[in-house]
C-alpha atoms as a PDB file:
ATOM      1  CA  UNK A   1      82.044 105.623  92.356  1.00  0.00           C
ATOM      2  CA  UNK A   2      83.938 102.649  90.910  1.00  0.00           C
ATOM      3  CA  UNK A   3      85.878 104.799  88.427  1.00  0.00           C
ATOM      4  CA  UNK A   4      86.476 107.624  90.882  1.00  0.00           C
ATOM      5  CA  UNK A   5      87.976 105.311  93.498  1.00  0.00           C
ATOM      6  CA  UNK A   6      90.274 103.597  90.959  1.00  0.00           C
ATOM      7  CA  UNK A   7      93.308 105.563  92.199  1.00  0.00           C
ATOM      8  CA  UNK A   8      93.027 103.673  95.531  1.00  0.00           C
ATOM      9  CA  UNK A   9      94.299 100.514  93.784  1.00  0.00           C
ATOM     10  CA  UNK A  10      97.202 102.424  92.218  1.00  0.00           C
ATOM     11  CA  UNK A  11      98.124 103.832  95.623  1.00  0.00           C
ATOM     12  CA  UNK A  12      97.813 100.428  97.324  1.00  0.00           C
ATOM     13  CA  UNK A  13     100.021  98.785  94.686  1.00  0.00           C
ATOM     14  CA  UNK A  14     102.681 101.453  95.144  1.00  0.00           C
ATOM     15  CA  UNK A  15     102.608 101.015  98.938  1.00  0.00           C
ATOM     16  CA  UNK A  16     102.814  97.241  98.409  1.00  0.00           C
ATOM     17  CA  UNK A  17     106.311  97.700  96.926  1.00  0.00           C
ATOM     18  CA  UNK A  18     107.639  98.645 100.362  1.00  0.00           C
ATOM     19  CA  UNK A  19     105.096  97.178 102.791  1.00  0.00           C
ATOM     20  CA  UNK A  20     104.657  93.417 102.751  1.00  0.00           C
ATOM     21  CA  UNK A  21     101.720  91.707 104.443  1.00  0.00           C
ATOM     22  CA  UNK A  22     100.417  94.567 106.607  1.00  0.00           C
ATOM     23  CA  UNK A  23      97.269  94.936 104.474  1.00  0.00           C
ATOM     24  CA  UNK A  24      95.149  96.237 107.351  1.00  0.00           C
ATOM     25  CA  UNK A  25      97.678  98.952 108.216  1.00  0.00           C
ATOM     26  CA  UNK A  26      97.792 100.149 104.584  1.00  0.00           C
ATOM     27  CA  UNK A  27      93.988 100.177 104.430  1.00  0.00           C
ATOM     28  CA  UNK A  28      93.733 102.176 107.660  1.00  0.00           C
ATOM     29  CA  UNK A  29      96.257 104.743 106.412  1.00  0.00           C
ATOM     30  CA  UNK A  30      94.089 105.241 103.315  1.00  0.00           C
ATOM     31  CA  UNK A  31      90.959 105.620 105.486  1.00  0.00           C
ATOM     32  CA  UNK A  32      92.697 108.335 107.525  1.00  0.00           C
ATOM     33  CA  UNK A  33      93.818 110.079 104.356  1.00  0.00           C
ATOM     34  CA  UNK A  34      90.358 110.001 102.717  1.00  0.00           C
ATOM     35  CA  UNK A  35      88.420 110.796 105.904  1.00  0.00           C
ATOM     36  CA  UNK A  36      90.694 113.742 106.736  1.00  0.00           C
ATOM     37  CA  UNK A  37      91.658 112.230 110.093  1.00  0.00           C
ATOM     38  CA  UNK A  38      94.854 111.616 112.037  1.00  0.00           C
ATOM     39  CA  UNK A  39      96.151 108.136 112.844  1.00  0.00           C
ATOM     40  CA  UNK A  40      97.937 106.646 115.836  1.00  0.00           C
ATOM     41  CA  UNK A  41      99.875 103.465 115.047  1.00  0.00           C
ATOM     42  CA  UNK A  42     100.825 101.239 117.965  1.00  0.00           C
ATOM     43  CA  UNK A  43     103.101  98.236 117.719  1.00  0.00           C
ATOM     44  CA  UNK A  44     106.407  96.769 118.839  1.00  0.00           C
ATOM     45  CA  UNK A  45     109.577  98.083 117.130  1.00  0.00           C
ATOM     46  CA  UNK A  46     110.405  96.812 113.647  1.00  0.00           C
ATOM     47  CA  UNK A  47     106.888  96.401 112.243  1.00  0.00           C
ATOM     48  CA  UNK A  48     107.413  99.006 109.469  1.00  0.00           C
ATOM     49  CA  UNK A  49     105.241 101.717 111.073  1.00  0.00           C
ATOM     50  CA  UNK A  50     107.618 104.515 110.062  1.00  0.00           C
ATOM     51  CA  UNK A  51     108.290 102.921 106.667  1.00  0.00           C
ATOM     52  CA  UNK A  52     104.537 102.722 105.931  1.00  0.00           C
ATOM     53  CA  UNK A  53     104.035 106.423 106.628  1.00  0.00           C
ATOM     54  CA  UNK A  54     107.107 107.496 104.643  1.00  0.00           C
ATOM     55  CA  UNK A  55     105.974 105.307 101.730  1.00  0.00           C
ATOM     56  CA  UNK A  56     102.476 106.833 101.782  1.00  0.00           C
ATOM     57  CA  UNK A  57     103.944 110.347 101.700  1.00  0.00           C
ATOM     58  CA  UNK A  58     106.279 109.353  98.842  1.00  0.00           C
ATOM     59  CA  UNK A  59     103.368 107.875  96.833  1.00  0.00           C
ATOM     60  CA  UNK A  60     101.517 111.205  97.060  1.00  0.00           C
ATOM     61  CA  UNK A  61     103.106 114.302  95.618  1.00  0.00           C
ATOM     62  CA  UNK A  62     103.144 116.147  98.943  1.00  0.00           C
ATOM     63  CA  UNK A  63     105.502 117.569 101.581  1.00  0.00           C
ATOM     64  CA  UNK A  64     106.593 115.190 104.325  1.00  0.00           C
ATOM     65  CA  UNK A  65     108.345 115.861 107.620  1.00  0.00           C
ATOM     66  CA  UNK A  66     109.380 113.622 110.488  1.00  0.00           C
ATOM     67  CA  UNK A  67     109.643 114.633 114.145  1.00  0.00           C
ATOM     68  CA  UNK A  68     111.469 112.239 116.445  1.00  0.00           C
ATOM     69  CA  UNK A  69     109.841 112.760 119.844  1.00  0.00           C
ATOM     70  CA  UNK A  70     112.329 112.659 122.737  1.00  0.00           C
ATOM     71  CA  UNK A  71     112.063 113.666 126.446  1.00  0.00           C
ATOM     72  CA  UNK A  72     114.063 116.884 125.875  1.00  0.00           C
ATOM     73  CA  UNK A  73     111.969 118.112 122.917  1.00  0.00           C
ATOM     74  CA  UNK A  74     110.319 121.554 123.274  1.00  0.00           C
ATOM     75  CA  UNK A  75     106.993 122.774 121.760  1.00  0.00           C
ATOM     76  CA  UNK A  76     108.969 125.259 119.628  1.00  0.00           C
ATOM     77  CA  UNK A  77     110.836 122.295 118.056  1.00  0.00           C
ATOM     78  CA  UNK A  78     107.483 121.111 116.699  1.00  0.00           C
ATOM     79  CA  UNK A  79     105.548 124.249 115.695  1.00  0.00           C
ATOM     80  CA  UNK A  80     108.373 126.769 115.278  1.00  0.00           C
ATOM     81  CA  UNK A  81     109.312 129.979 117.059  1.00  0.00           C
ATOM     82  CA  UNK A  82     110.113 133.686 116.696  1.00  0.00           C
ATOM     83  CA  UNK A  83     113.747 134.409 115.813  1.00  0.00           C
ATOM     84  CA  UNK A  84     115.342 137.847 116.271  1.00  0.00           C
ATOM     85  CA  UNK A  85     116.877 139.252 113.097  1.00  0.00           C
ATOM     86  CA  UNK A  86     119.633 141.732 114.176  1.00  0.00           C
ATOM     87  CA  UNK A  87     119.920 143.233 110.645  1.00  0.00           C
ATOM     88  CA  UNK A  88     116.254 144.150 110.472  1.00  0.00           C
ATOM     89  CA  UNK A  89     115.920 144.756 114.250  1.00  0.00           C
ATOM     90  CA  UNK A  90     112.757 142.660 114.215  1.00  0.00           C
ATOM     91  CA  UNK A  91     111.435 139.179 114.983  1.00  0.00           C
ATOM     92  CA  UNK A  92     110.622 136.769 112.188  1.00  0.00           C
ATOM     93  CA  UNK A  93     108.813 133.432 112.236  1.00  0.00           C
ATOM     94  CA  UNK A  94     110.906 130.288 111.887  1.00  0.00           C
ATOM     95  CA  UNK A  95     108.429 127.565 110.911  1.00  0.00           C
ATOM     96  CA  UNK A  96     108.708 124.149 112.524  1.00  0.00           C
ATOM     97  CA  UNK A  97     108.367 120.700 110.932  1.00  0.00           C
ATOM     98  CA  UNK A  98     104.598 120.699 111.558  1.00  0.00           C
ATOM     99  CA  UNK A  99     104.295 122.827 108.387  1.00  0.00           C
ATOM    100  CA  UNK A 100     103.993 119.896 105.988  1.00  0.00           C
ATOM    101  CA  UNK A 101     101.229 117.782 104.433  1.00  0.00           C
ATOM    102  CA  UNK A 102     102.251 114.601 106.215  1.00  0.00           C
ATOM    103  CA  UNK A 103     103.760 114.860 109.678  1.00  0.00           C
ATOM    104  CA  UNK A 104     105.231 111.719 111.188  1.00  0.00           C
ATOM    105  CA  UNK A 105     105.282 112.071 114.983  1.00  0.00           C
ATOM    106  CA  UNK A 106     107.639 109.184 115.678  1.00  0.00           C
ATOM    107  CA  UNK A 107     107.346 107.613 119.150  1.00  0.00           C
ATOM    108  CA  UNK A 108     104.990 110.374 120.277  1.00  0.00           C
ATOM    109  CA  UNK A 109     104.814 108.991 123.834  1.00  0.00           C
ATOM    110  CA  UNK A 110     108.525 109.698 124.404  1.00  0.00           C
ATOM    111  CA  UNK A 111     107.930 113.442 124.805  1.00  0.00           C
ATOM    112  CA  UNK A 112     106.175 115.101 127.787  1.00  0.00           C
ATOM    113  CA  UNK A 113     102.549 116.323 127.636  1.00  0.00           C
ATOM    114  CA  UNK A 114     103.436 119.980 126.844  1.00  0.00           C
ATOM    115  CA  UNK A 115     105.146 118.864 123.616  1.00  0.00           C
ATOM    116  CA  UNK A 116     102.360 116.440 122.700  1.00  0.00           C
ATOM    117  CA  UNK A 117      99.890 119.282 123.308  1.00  0.00           C
ATOM    118  CA  UNK A 118     101.788 121.505 120.859  1.00  0.00           C
ATOM    119  CA  UNK A 119     100.216 119.347 118.147  1.00  0.00           C
ATOM    120  CA  UNK A 120      96.649 119.840 119.431  1.00  0.00           C
ATOM    121  CA  UNK A 121      95.870 123.113 117.641  1.00  0.00           C
ATOM    122  CA  UNK A 122      97.422 121.831 114.411  1.00  0.00           C
ATOM    123  CA  UNK A 123      95.439 118.576 114.559  1.00  0.00           C
ATOM    124  CA  UNK A 124      92.080 120.106 115.423  1.00  0.00           C
ATOM    125  CA  UNK A 125      92.089 123.533 113.770  1.00  0.00           C
ATOM    126  CA  UNK A 126      94.584 122.879 110.932  1.00  0.00           C
ATOM    127  CA  UNK A 127      96.442 126.009 112.009  1.00  0.00           C
ATOM    128  CA  UNK A 128      99.409 126.993 114.181  1.00  0.00           C
ATOM    129  CA  UNK A 129      99.823 130.101 116.329  1.00  0.00           C
ATOM    130  CA  UNK A 130     103.371 131.404 116.743  1.00  0.00           C
ATOM    131  CA  UNK A 131     103.670 134.594 118.798  1.00  0.00           C
ATOM    132  CA  UNK A 132     100.559 136.613 117.970  1.00  0.00           C
ATOM    133  CA  UNK A 133     100.155 135.349 114.386  1.00  0.00           C
ATOM    134  CA  UNK A 134      98.081 132.378 113.287  1.00  0.00           C
ATOM    135  CA  UNK A 135      99.260 130.433 110.247  1.00  0.00           C
ATOM    136  CA  UNK A 136      96.966 128.166 108.224  1.00  0.00           C
ATOM    137  CA  UNK A 137      98.334 124.718 107.417  1.00  0.00           C
ATOM    138  CA  UNK A 138      98.318 123.466 103.844  1.00  0.00           C
ATOM    139  CA  UNK A 139      95.780 120.782 102.878  1.00  0.00           C
ATOM    140  CA  UNK A 140      95.923 117.811 102.954  1.00  0.00           C
ATOM    141  CA  UNK A 141      97.295 117.838 106.513  1.00  0.00           C
ATOM    142  CA  UNK A 142      97.694 114.553 108.319  1.00  0.00           C
ATOM    143  CA  UNK A 143      99.449 113.656 111.568  1.00  0.00           C
ATOM    144  CA  UNK A 144     100.575 110.039 111.675  1.00  0.00           C
ATOM    145  CA  UNK A 145     101.907 109.198 115.112  1.00  0.00           C
ATOM    146  CA  UNK A 146     103.594 106.003 116.258  1.00  0.00           C
ATOM    147  CA  UNK A 147     103.985 104.671 119.769  1.00  0.00           C
ATOM    148  CA  UNK A 148     105.716 101.700 121.303  1.00  0.00           C
ATOM    149  CA  UNK A 149     103.523  99.784 123.802  1.00  0.00           C
ATOM    150  CA  UNK A 150     106.220  97.655 125.436  1.00  0.00           C
ATOM    151  CA  UNK A 151     108.525 100.214 127.040  1.00  0.00           C
ATOM    152  CA  UNK A 152     107.470 102.173 130.105  1.00  0.00           C
ATOM    153  CA  UNK A 153     110.846 103.786 130.861  1.00  0.00           C
ATOM    154  CA  UNK A 154     111.019 107.374 129.614  1.00  0.00           C
ATOM    155  CA  UNK A 155     107.535 107.391 128.125  1.00  0.00           C
ATOM    156  CA  UNK A 156     104.557 109.642 128.834  1.00  0.00           C
ATOM    157  CA  UNK A 157     100.971 108.443 128.332  1.00  0.00           C
ATOM    158  CA  UNK A 158      99.073 110.608 125.841  1.00  0.00           C
ATOM    159  CA  UNK A 159      96.446 112.891 127.470  1.00  0.00           C
ATOM    160  CA  UNK A 160      92.824 111.851 126.774  1.00  0.00           C
ATOM    161  CA  UNK A 161      92.191 115.107 124.876  1.00  0.00           C
ATOM    162  CA  UNK A 162      95.102 114.335 122.551  1.00  0.00           C
ATOM    163  CA  UNK A 163      94.155 110.696 121.972  1.00  0.00           C
ATOM    164  CA  UNK A 164      90.550 111.641 121.143  1.00  0.00           C
ATOM    165  CA  UNK A 165      91.773 113.746 118.218  1.00  0.00           C
ATOM    166  CA  UNK A 166      93.079 110.670 116.408  1.00  0.00           C
ATOM    167  CA  UNK A 167      90.455 109.300 114.028  1.00  0.00           C
ATOM    168  CA  UNK A 168      91.911 105.793 114.331  1.00  0.00           C
ATOM    169  CA  UNK A 169      94.208 103.971 116.708  1.00  0.00           C
ATOM    170  CA  UNK A 170      95.622 101.034 114.776  1.00  0.00           C
ATOM    171  CA  UNK A 171      97.333  98.223 116.673  1.00  0.00           C
ATOM    172  CA  UNK A 172      99.761  96.313 114.471  1.00  0.00           C
ATOM    173  CA  UNK A 173     100.696  92.673 114.974  1.00  0.00           C
ATOM    174  CA  UNK A 174     103.513  90.502 113.645  1.00  0.00           C
ATOM    175  CA  UNK A 175     103.475  89.481 109.958  1.00  0.00           C
ATOM    176  CA  UNK A 176     102.710  85.928 108.767  1.00  0.00           C
ATOM    177  CA  UNK A 177     105.643  83.561 108.198  1.00  0.00           C
ATOM    178  CA  UNK A 178     105.470  83.731 104.373  1.00  0.00           C
ATOM    179  CA  UNK A 179     105.210  87.530 104.477  1.00  0.00           C
ATOM    180  CA  UNK A 180     108.267  87.676 106.714  1.00  0.00           C
ATOM    181  CA  UNK A 181     110.158  85.484 104.231  1.00  0.00           C
ATOM    182  CA  UNK A 182     109.416  88.107 101.538  1.00  0.00           C
ATOM    183  CA  UNK A 183     110.467  90.906 103.916  1.00  0.00           C
ATOM    184  CA  UNK A 184     113.847  89.207 104.480  1.00  0.00           C
ATOM    185  CA  UNK A 185     114.405  88.745 100.741  1.00  0.00           C
ATOM    186  CA  UNK A 186     113.391  92.327  99.982  1.00  0.00           C
ATOM    187  CA  UNK A 187     115.845  93.731 102.514  1.00  0.00           C
ATOM    188  CA  UNK A 188     118.913  91.663 101.610  1.00  0.00           C
ATOM    189  CA  UNK A 189     118.667  91.922  97.829  1.00  0.00           C
ATOM    190  CA  UNK A 190     121.220  94.072  95.970  1.00  0.00           C
ATOM    191  CA  UNK A 191     119.908  97.591  95.441  1.00  0.00           C
ATOM    192  CA  UNK A 192     117.947  97.639  98.698  1.00  0.00           C
ATOM    193  CA  UNK A 193     114.265  98.513  99.065  1.00  0.00           C
ATOM    194  CA  UNK A 194     112.067  99.405  96.094  1.00  0.00           C
ATOM    195  CA  UNK A 195     111.713 103.080  95.211  1.00  0.00           C
ATOM    196  CA  UNK A 196     108.237 104.530  95.781  1.00  0.00           C
ATOM    197  CA  UNK A 197     107.015 106.853  93.028  1.00  0.00           C
ATOM    198  CA  UNK A 198     104.474 109.663  93.412  1.00  0.00           C
ATOM    199  CA  UNK A 199     101.365 108.214  91.735  1.00  0.00           C
ATOM    200  CA  UNK A 200      98.653 110.497  93.169  1.00  0.00           C
ATOM    201  CA  UNK A 201      98.507 114.289  93.503  1.00  0.00           C
ATOM    202  CA  UNK A 202      97.316 116.258  96.537  1.00  0.00           C
ATOM    203  CA  UNK A 203      94.507 117.652  94.346  1.00  0.00           C
ATOM    204  CA  UNK A 204      93.195 114.123  93.667  1.00  0.00           C
ATOM    205  CA  UNK A 205      93.193 113.376  97.413  1.00  0.00           C
ATOM    206  CA  UNK A 206      91.211 116.550  98.184  1.00  0.00           C
ATOM    207  CA  UNK A 207      88.694 115.678  95.424  1.00  0.00           C
ATOM    208  CA  UNK A 208      88.373 112.125  96.783  1.00  0.00           C
ATOM    209  CA  UNK A 209      87.623 113.522 100.261  1.00  0.00           C
ATOM    210  CA  UNK A 210      84.604 115.340  98.814  1.00  0.00           C
ATOM    211  CA  UNK A 211      83.431 112.115  97.129  1.00  0.00           C
ATOM    212  CA  UNK A 212      83.774 110.205 100.416  1.00  0.00           C
ATOM    213  CA  UNK A 213      81.325 112.608 102.046  1.00  0.00           C
ATOM    214  CA  UNK A 214      78.855 111.916  99.210  1.00  0.00           C
ATOM    215  CA  UNK A 215      78.788 108.169 100.021  1.00  0.00           C
ATOM    216  CA  UNK A 216      75.191 107.331 101.012  1.00  0.00           C
ATOM    217  CA  UNK A 217      74.448 106.458 104.636  1.00  0.00           C
ATOM    218  CA  UNK A 218      70.970 105.203 105.512  1.00  0.00           C
ATOM    219  CA  UNK A 219      69.154 106.322 108.675  1.00  0.00           C
ATOM    220  CA  UNK A 220      69.282 102.723 109.938  1.00  0.00           C
ATOM    221  CA  UNK A 221      73.094 102.810 109.720  1.00  0.00           C
ATOM    222  CA  UNK A 222      73.114 106.145 111.575  1.00  0.00           C
ATOM    223  CA  UNK A 223      70.969 104.534 114.283  1.00  0.00           C
ATOM    224  CA  UNK A 224      73.390 101.595 114.458  1.00  0.00           C
ATOM    225  CA  UNK A 225      76.312 104.008 115.032  1.00  0.00           C
ATOM    226  CA  UNK A 226      74.367 105.841 117.748  1.00  0.00           C
ATOM    227  CA  UNK A 227      73.453 102.579 119.487  1.00  0.00           C
ATOM    228  CA  UNK A 228      77.088 101.443 119.552  1.00  0.00           C
ATOM    229  CA  UNK A 229      78.342 104.775 120.929  1.00  0.00           C
ATOM    230  CA  UNK A 230      75.509 105.127 123.465  1.00  0.00           C
ATOM    231  CA  UNK A 231      76.157 101.564 124.681  1.00  0.00           C
ATOM    232  CA  UNK A 232      79.618 102.746 125.802  1.00  0.00           C
ATOM    233  CA  UNK A 233      77.958 105.490 127.891  1.00  0.00           C
ATOM    234  CA  UNK A 234      74.848 103.718 129.188  1.00  0.00           C
ATOM    235  CA  UNK A 235      75.536  99.956 129.033  1.00  0.00           C
ATOM    236  CA  UNK A 236      72.459  99.195 131.205  1.00  0.00           C
ATOM    237  CA  UNK A 237      70.120 100.415 128.441  1.00  0.00           C
ATOM    238  CA  UNK A 238      71.501  97.660 126.199  1.00  0.00           C
ATOM    239  CA  UNK A 239      71.369  94.834 128.788  1.00  0.00           C
ATOM    240  CA  UNK A 240      75.118  95.136 129.359  1.00  0.00           C
ATOM    241  CA  UNK A 241      75.008  95.699 133.130  1.00  0.00           C
ATOM    242  CA  UNK A 242      78.209  93.676 133.561  1.00  0.00           C
ATOM    243  CA  UNK A 243      80.151  96.375 131.623  1.00  0.00           C
ATOM    244  CA  UNK A 244      79.051  99.139 134.019  1.00  0.00           C
ATOM    245  CA  UNK A 245      81.901  98.378 136.432  1.00  0.00           C
ATOM    246  CA  UNK A 246      84.514  98.279 133.666  1.00  0.00           C
ATOM    247  CA  UNK A 247      83.783 101.563 131.815  1.00  0.00           C
ATOM    248  CA  UNK A 248      85.089 104.731 133.482  1.00  0.00           C
ATOM    249  CA  UNK A 249      83.782 106.973 130.681  1.00  0.00           C
ATOM    250  CA  UNK A 250      82.163 106.322 127.319  1.00  0.00           C
ATOM    251  CA  UNK A 251      82.824 107.749 123.870  1.00  0.00           C
ATOM    252  CA  UNK A 252      82.197 111.419 123.018  1.00  0.00           C
ATOM    253  CA  UNK A 253      80.193 112.687 119.993  1.00  0.00           C
ATOM    254  CA  UNK A 254      83.543 112.885 118.199  1.00  0.00           C
ATOM    255  CA  UNK A 255      83.459 109.062 118.183  1.00  0.00           C
ATOM    256  CA  UNK A 256      80.074 109.040 116.397  1.00  0.00           C
ATOM    257  CA  UNK A 257      81.351 111.467 113.759  1.00  0.00           C
ATOM    258  CA  UNK A 258      84.580 109.481 113.337  1.00  0.00           C
ATOM    259  CA  UNK A 259      82.715 106.179 113.014  1.00  0.00           C
ATOM    260  CA  UNK A 260      80.429 107.638 110.319  1.00  0.00           C
ATOM    261  CA  UNK A 261      83.165 109.282 108.218  1.00  0.00           C
ATOM    262  CA  UNK A 262      85.566 106.322 108.562  1.00  0.00           C
ATOM    263  CA  UNK A 263      82.775 103.933 107.465  1.00  0.00           C
ATOM    264  CA  UNK A 264      82.152 106.121 104.404  1.00  0.00           C
ATOM    265  CA  UNK A 265      85.878 106.075 103.568  1.00  0.00           C
ATOM    266  CA  UNK A 266      85.957 102.274 104.030  1.00  0.00           C
ATOM    267  CA  UNK A 267      82.962 101.869 101.670  1.00  0.00           C
ATOM    268  CA  UNK A 268      84.725 104.150  99.136  1.00  0.00           C
ATOM    269  CA  UNK A 269      87.891 101.997  99.286  1.00  0.00           C
ATOM    270  CA  UNK A 270      85.692  98.918  98.716  1.00  0.00           C
ATOM    271  CA  UNK A 271      84.253 100.648  95.620  1.00  0.00           C
ATOM    272  CA  UNK A 272      80.763 101.130  97.061  1.00  0.00           C
ATOM    273  CA  UNK A 273      78.621 104.270  97.002  1.00  0.00           C
ATOM    274  CA  UNK A 274      76.762 103.310 100.193  1.00  0.00           C
ATOM    275  CA  UNK A 275      77.606 102.152 103.731  1.00  0.00           C
ATOM    276  CA  UNK A 276      76.597  98.697 105.014  1.00  0.00           C
ATOM    277  CA  UNK A 277      76.682  97.419 108.652  1.00  0.00           C
ATOM    278  CA  UNK A 278      79.819  95.363 107.904  1.00  0.00           C
ATOM    279  CA  UNK A 279      81.698  98.634 107.206  1.00  0.00           C
ATOM    280  CA  UNK A 280      80.870  99.832 110.723  1.00  0.00           C
ATOM    281  CA  UNK A 281      81.941  96.524 112.278  1.00  0.00           C
ATOM    282  CA  UNK A 282      85.175  96.478 110.222  1.00  0.00           C
ATOM    283  CA  UNK A 283      86.460  99.823 111.516  1.00  0.00           C
ATOM    284  CA  UNK A 284      84.688 100.003 114.883  1.00  0.00           C
ATOM    285  CA  UNK A 285      87.610  98.724 116.988  1.00  0.00           C
ATOM    286  CA  UNK A 286      90.111 101.169 115.473  1.00  0.00           C
ATOM    287  CA  UNK A 287      87.747 104.140 115.955  1.00  0.00           C
ATOM    288  CA  UNK A 288      86.643 103.344 119.517  1.00  0.00           C
ATOM    289  CA  UNK A 289      89.486 101.495 121.255  1.00  0.00           C
ATOM    290  CA  UNK A 290      91.232 104.693 122.422  1.00  0.00           C
ATOM    291  CA  UNK A 291      88.010 106.523 123.306  1.00  0.00           C
ATOM    292  CA  UNK A 292      86.663 104.217 126.018  1.00  0.00           C
ATOM    293  CA  UNK A 293      88.076 104.832 129.497  1.00  0.00           C
ATOM    294  CA  UNK A 294      88.454 101.614 131.479  1.00  0.00           C
ATOM    295  CA  UNK A 295      88.334 101.383 135.293  1.00  0.00           C
ATOM    296  CA  UNK A 296      90.948  99.969 137.690  1.00  0.00           C
ATOM    297  CA  UNK A 297      88.616  97.009 138.125  1.00  0.00           C
ATOM    298  CA  UNK A 298      88.807  96.259 134.395  1.00  0.00           C
ATOM    299  CA  UNK A 299      92.612  96.532 134.486  1.00  0.00           C
ATOM    300  CA  UNK A 300      92.749  94.196 137.497  1.00  0.00           C
ATOM    301  CA  UNK A 301      90.704  91.618 135.597  1.00  0.00           C
ATOM    302  CA  UNK A 302      92.715  92.138 132.367  1.00  0.00           C
ATOM    303  CA  UNK A 303      89.666  93.413 130.516  1.00  0.00           C
ATOM    304  CA  UNK A 304      90.554  95.739 127.625  1.00  0.00           C
ATOM    305  CA  UNK A 305      88.546  98.277 125.636  1.00  0.00           C
ATOM    306  CA  UNK A 306      88.666  95.826 122.685  1.00  0.00           C
ATOM    307  CA  UNK A 307      86.798  93.187 124.720  1.00  0.00           C
ATOM    308  CA  UNK A 308      84.240  95.827 125.749  1.00  0.00           C
ATOM    309  CA  UNK A 309      83.706  96.758 122.058  1.00  0.00           C
ATOM    310  CA  UNK A 310      83.259  93.055 121.195  1.00  0.00           C
ATOM    311  CA  UNK A 311      80.566  92.736 123.874  1.00  0.00           C
ATOM    312  CA  UNK A 312      78.790  95.856 122.579  1.00  0.00           C
ATOM    313  CA  UNK A 313      78.879  94.692 118.936  1.00  0.00           C
ATOM    314  CA  UNK A 314      77.409  91.338 119.986  1.00  0.00           C
ATOM    315  CA  UNK A 315      74.626  93.029 122.003  1.00  0.00           C
ATOM    316  CA  UNK A 316      73.583  95.875 119.686  1.00  0.00           C
ATOM    317  CA  UNK A 317      71.073  94.905 117.025  1.00  0.00           C
ATOM    318  CA  UNK A 318      72.436  94.964 113.462  1.00  0.00           C
ATOM    319  CA  UNK A 319      70.121  96.733 110.986  1.00  0.00           C
END
């Protein structure tokens, strides 16, 4: 496993040329890539969310496309449409930007629900239907969406069904002072930002995904995942009666699957052929934070899904 995951270091080093300090974000992007899951990045403007995704696509020899979500965007602008060809007297398919390996959905919450929903089939089924024809998307296929949490004007909250399809929701904070010093230097030097080279092929990524699934997971770890997820649904069974009033709905089975596969990918990145409880705890917040519905009471008391996850992790027995 150590040799087979060696390319992760090469990829991380290449990303490090452009991304300074945001180690967790880079790690989470790799987890999404290896676990075959989509990622939602949330953070204030200027934290290199778009740059991170573009750098990842550049470091992998794959097709990249960017969709800037705006209030006037239409579903056809995302998936494509049928165009009439007057010469042939027939309709032909004009493919949209979703036909790529890496799709950056920039500021996804700026477009209305019907446009956001245009991505649903692509994200879940890895296919797109235009007219009466269904087109398979090329593997690897990854949607990396960004959203800005501070502006409410002209934004549309993502529907629960859409949010649940993201393997991880990563919340990005500000960099450390020394990291920011490096960022300033990097951006004002002659020649501009460093060029990212393609160091990994799509084939290697697809092979690595198979290896990730072969990472060993003990029954005790499976039980730990189930306990965490079930505690979001039935807090009383885990002596967490106080959370009952704060949780509107718990996590679906998709959360259990996501937690298991993301933990395997995390273990793979850490050069291990088996999953340990610390892997679950490391990625738990990013997998579950967008899958727990909180009540008005929780909002009134400023209680977030992250605090609920903390309470659950403290209450559930570690194997």
